[in-house]
Protein backbone atom coordinates (compact mmCIF):
# COMPACT_ATOMS: atom_id res chain seq x y z
CA MET A 1 0.00 -0.49 0.15
CA SER A 2 1.25 3.63 -0.67
CA GLY A 3 0.13 6.21 1.18
CA ALA A 4 -2.11 5.89 4.31
CA GLU A 5 -5.77 6.70 3.69
CA VAL A 6 -8.28 8.45 5.82
CA SER A 7 -11.43 6.63 5.89
CA THR A 8 -14.69 5.15 7.62
CA ARG A 9 -14.39 2.12 9.99
CA GLU A 10 -16.35 -0.01 7.28
CA ALA A 11 -14.62 1.60 4.25
CA ALA A 12 -11.65 0.33 5.96
CA ALA A 13 -12.61 -3.25 7.31
CA GLU A 14 -13.70 -3.49 3.06
CA ARG A 15 -10.08 -2.25 2.04
CA LEU A 16 -8.51 -4.58 4.89
CA ALA A 17 -10.53 -7.79 3.28
CA ALA A 18 -9.33 -6.92 0.04
CA LEU A 19 -5.76 -6.64 0.95
CA ARG A 20 -6.13 -9.70 2.98
CA GLY A 21 -7.75 -11.47 -0.24
CA ALA A 22 -4.83 -10.68 -2.31
CA GLY A 23 -2.16 -11.76 0.31
CA ALA A 24 -0.94 -8.23 1.18
CA ALA A 25 -2.00 -7.73 4.33
CA GLU A 26 -1.28 -11.41 6.42
CA ARG A 27 -0.51 -9.44 9.52
CA VAL A 28 -2.65 -6.30 10.02
CA VAL A 29 -1.95 -4.24 13.62
CA LEU A 30 -4.16 -1.40 15.06
CA ALA A 31 -3.01 1.48 16.94
CA ASN A 32 -5.08 4.11 19.04
CA GLY A 33 -4.73 7.40 20.21
CA CYS A 34 -5.66 11.02 20.75
CA PHE A 35 -2.40 12.49 19.24
CA ASP A 36 -3.38 15.60 20.40
CA LEU A 37 -0.16 17.00 20.51
CA LEU A 38 2.36 14.55 18.13
CA HIS A 39 5.50 14.30 19.92
CA VAL A 40 8.33 11.48 19.90
CA GLY A 41 6.61 9.20 22.15
CA HIS A 42 3.86 8.89 19.51
CA VAL A 43 6.28 8.25 16.76
CA ARG A 44 8.24 5.89 18.49
CA TYR A 45 4.76 3.94 19.28
CA LEU A 46 3.08 3.62 15.99
CA ALA A 47 6.88 2.98 14.45
CA ASP A 48 7.08 0.06 16.93
CA ALA A 49 3.50 -1.07 16.33
CA SER A 50 4.02 -1.16 12.19
CA GLY A 51 7.18 -3.12 12.47
CA ARG A 52 4.70 -5.86 14.30
CA GLY A 53 2.73 -6.71 10.73
CA ASP A 54 2.45 -5.86 7.17
CA LEU A 55 -0.02 -2.92 7.97
CA LEU A 56 -0.90 -0.52 10.45
CA VAL A 57 -4.52 1.10 11.18
CA VAL A 58 -4.47 3.75 13.32
CA ALA A 59 -7.96 4.37 15.28
CA LEU A 60 -8.23 8.09 15.86
CA ASN A 61 -10.39 9.55 18.66
CA THR A 62 -12.82 12.03 17.13
CA ASP A 63 -12.90 15.52 18.73
CA ALA A 64 -15.79 14.86 20.89
CA SER A 65 -13.95 11.73 22.42
CA VAL A 66 -10.80 13.93 22.71
CA ALA A 67 -13.38 16.17 24.92
CA ARG A 68 -14.57 13.66 27.12
CA ILE A 69 -11.24 12.08 27.95
CA LYS A 70 -9.48 14.86 28.45
CA GLY A 71 -11.41 17.56 29.34
CA ASP A 72 -12.56 20.77 28.55
CA GLY A 73 -9.90 22.89 26.57
CA ARG A 74 -9.19 19.59 23.92
CA PRO A 75 -8.25 18.60 21.76
CA PHE A 76 -5.60 21.32 20.86
CA VAL A 77 -5.71 20.36 16.98
CA PRO A 78 -9.10 19.31 15.28
CA PHE A 79 -9.97 15.49 14.09
CA ALA A 80 -8.79 16.34 10.51
CA GLU A 81 -5.45 18.15 11.15
CA ARG A 82 -4.65 14.93 13.68
CA ALA A 83 -5.59 12.76 11.01
CA GLU A 84 -3.38 14.60 8.31
CA ILE A 85 -0.74 14.59 10.71
CA VAL A 86 -0.60 10.84 11.51
CA ALA A 87 -1.40 9.79 8.05
CA ALA A 88 1.55 11.43 6.94
CA LEU A 89 3.64 9.08 8.84
CA ALA A 90 5.89 6.43 6.71
CA CYS A 91 4.76 3.69 9.18
CA VAL A 92 0.80 4.48 8.86
CA ASP A 93 -1.32 2.68 6.07
CA LEU A 94 -4.78 3.49 7.26
CA VAL A 95 -6.40 6.17 9.50
CA VAL A 96 -9.88 5.75 10.92
CA PRO A 97 -11.96 7.52 13.70
CA PHE A 98 -13.60 6.36 16.30
CA ASP A 99 -15.82 7.96 19.30
CA GLU A 100 -16.53 5.41 21.75
CA PRO A 101 -14.83 5.32 25.09
CA THR A 102 -12.74 1.60 24.02
CA LEU A 103 -11.79 0.05 20.96
CA GLU A 104 -14.62 -2.77 21.09
CA ALA A 105 -16.68 -1.79 18.03
CA THR A 106 -13.31 -0.86 16.02
CA LEU A 107 -11.67 -4.13 17.01
CA ARG A 108 -14.92 -6.07 16.11
CA ILE A 109 -15.22 -4.31 12.76
CA LEU A 110 -11.59 -4.61 11.64
CA ARG A 111 -10.34 -7.58 13.07
CA PRO A 112 -6.95 -6.71 13.28
CA ASP A 113 -4.22 -9.70 14.33
CA VAL A 114 -2.56 -7.10 16.79
CA HIS A 115 -3.56 -4.66 18.87
CA ALA A 116 -0.67 -2.45 19.71
CA LYS A 117 -1.11 -0.36 23.23
CA GLY A 118 1.34 2.19 24.37
CA THR A 119 4.02 1.41 27.46
CA ASP A 120 1.56 2.86 29.96
CA TYR A 121 -0.20 -0.55 29.42
CA THR A 122 0.49 -4.04 30.12
CA VAL A 123 -0.92 -6.52 28.57
CA GLU A 124 -3.40 -7.08 31.58
CA THR A 125 -4.46 -3.69 31.64
CA VAL A 126 -5.26 -2.80 28.43
CA PRO A 127 -9.19 -1.74 28.22
CA GLU A 128 -10.26 -4.16 25.46
CA ALA A 129 -8.69 -7.43 26.97
CA ALA A 130 -11.18 -9.53 27.30
CA ILE A 131 -12.61 -8.51 23.62
CA ASP A 132 -8.78 -9.07 22.44
CA ARG A 133 -9.12 -12.72 23.72
CA GLU A 134 -12.55 -13.31 22.52
CA LEU A 135 -11.32 -12.44 18.82
CA GLY A 136 -7.98 -13.91 19.05
CA ILE A 137 -6.04 -10.64 18.47
CA GLU A 138 -2.81 -10.79 19.81
CA VAL A 139 -1.34 -7.67 22.39
CA ALA A 140 1.69 -5.97 21.41
CA ILE A 141 3.05 -3.65 24.16
CA CYS A 142 4.72 -0.86 22.02
CA GLY A 143 7.15 2.19 22.06
CA ASP A 144 9.28 3.93 24.20
CA PRO A 145 8.52 3.50 27.78
CA LYS A 146 9.96 7.37 29.03
CA ASP A 147 6.75 9.25 29.93
CA HIS A 148 6.31 11.20 26.79
CA SER A 149 2.73 12.08 27.37
CA SER A 150 0.82 15.24 25.99
CA THR A 151 0.28 16.10 29.82
CA SER A 152 3.95 15.71 30.44
CA VAL A 153 5.03 17.67 27.49
CA LEU A 154 2.43 20.28 28.61
CA SER A 155 3.68 20.51 32.24
CA ARG A 156 7.58 20.22 31.17
CA LEU A 157 6.58 23.63 28.63
CA ARG A 158 4.65 25.49 31.40
CA SER A 159 7.47 24.99 33.82
CA GLY A 160 10.38 25.96 31.67
CA ALA A 161 12.22 22.26 32.00
CA LEU A 162 12.42 21.10 28.19
CA GLU A 163 14.04 17.84 29.30
């Protein structure tokens, strides 16, 4: 696949089925996040996730979802711009929006082989662990264990501590 696409989950599921049928996507990886302020932790997470399969799908929280999770004033960057930035990363093949509190519906629709989560989780603490087990999806903890969260980046910026 050349260049990332941004599409609905349903259109992505059709695309994945076609790619799997053609033998072009034997191992699909699904990663997710708000990506409100893209930083090196996100890039390392997605690059690591991409290396776990043939094709990387990124489920991106909608603006309403980010606001529910992060609170007033978030997201800092609207969905369309966040999707464009994530889609521009060489390791990303598809970007799909999701609005629900967890990825359960997205996992059921896309049926990835691998569910990638960041290092702030363990296999046991992934919110969708039960659905991953039910669907036979492998869970992979990916990325840099150093805290690169947007909240910590903002905190460091506000305090003037850039390292």
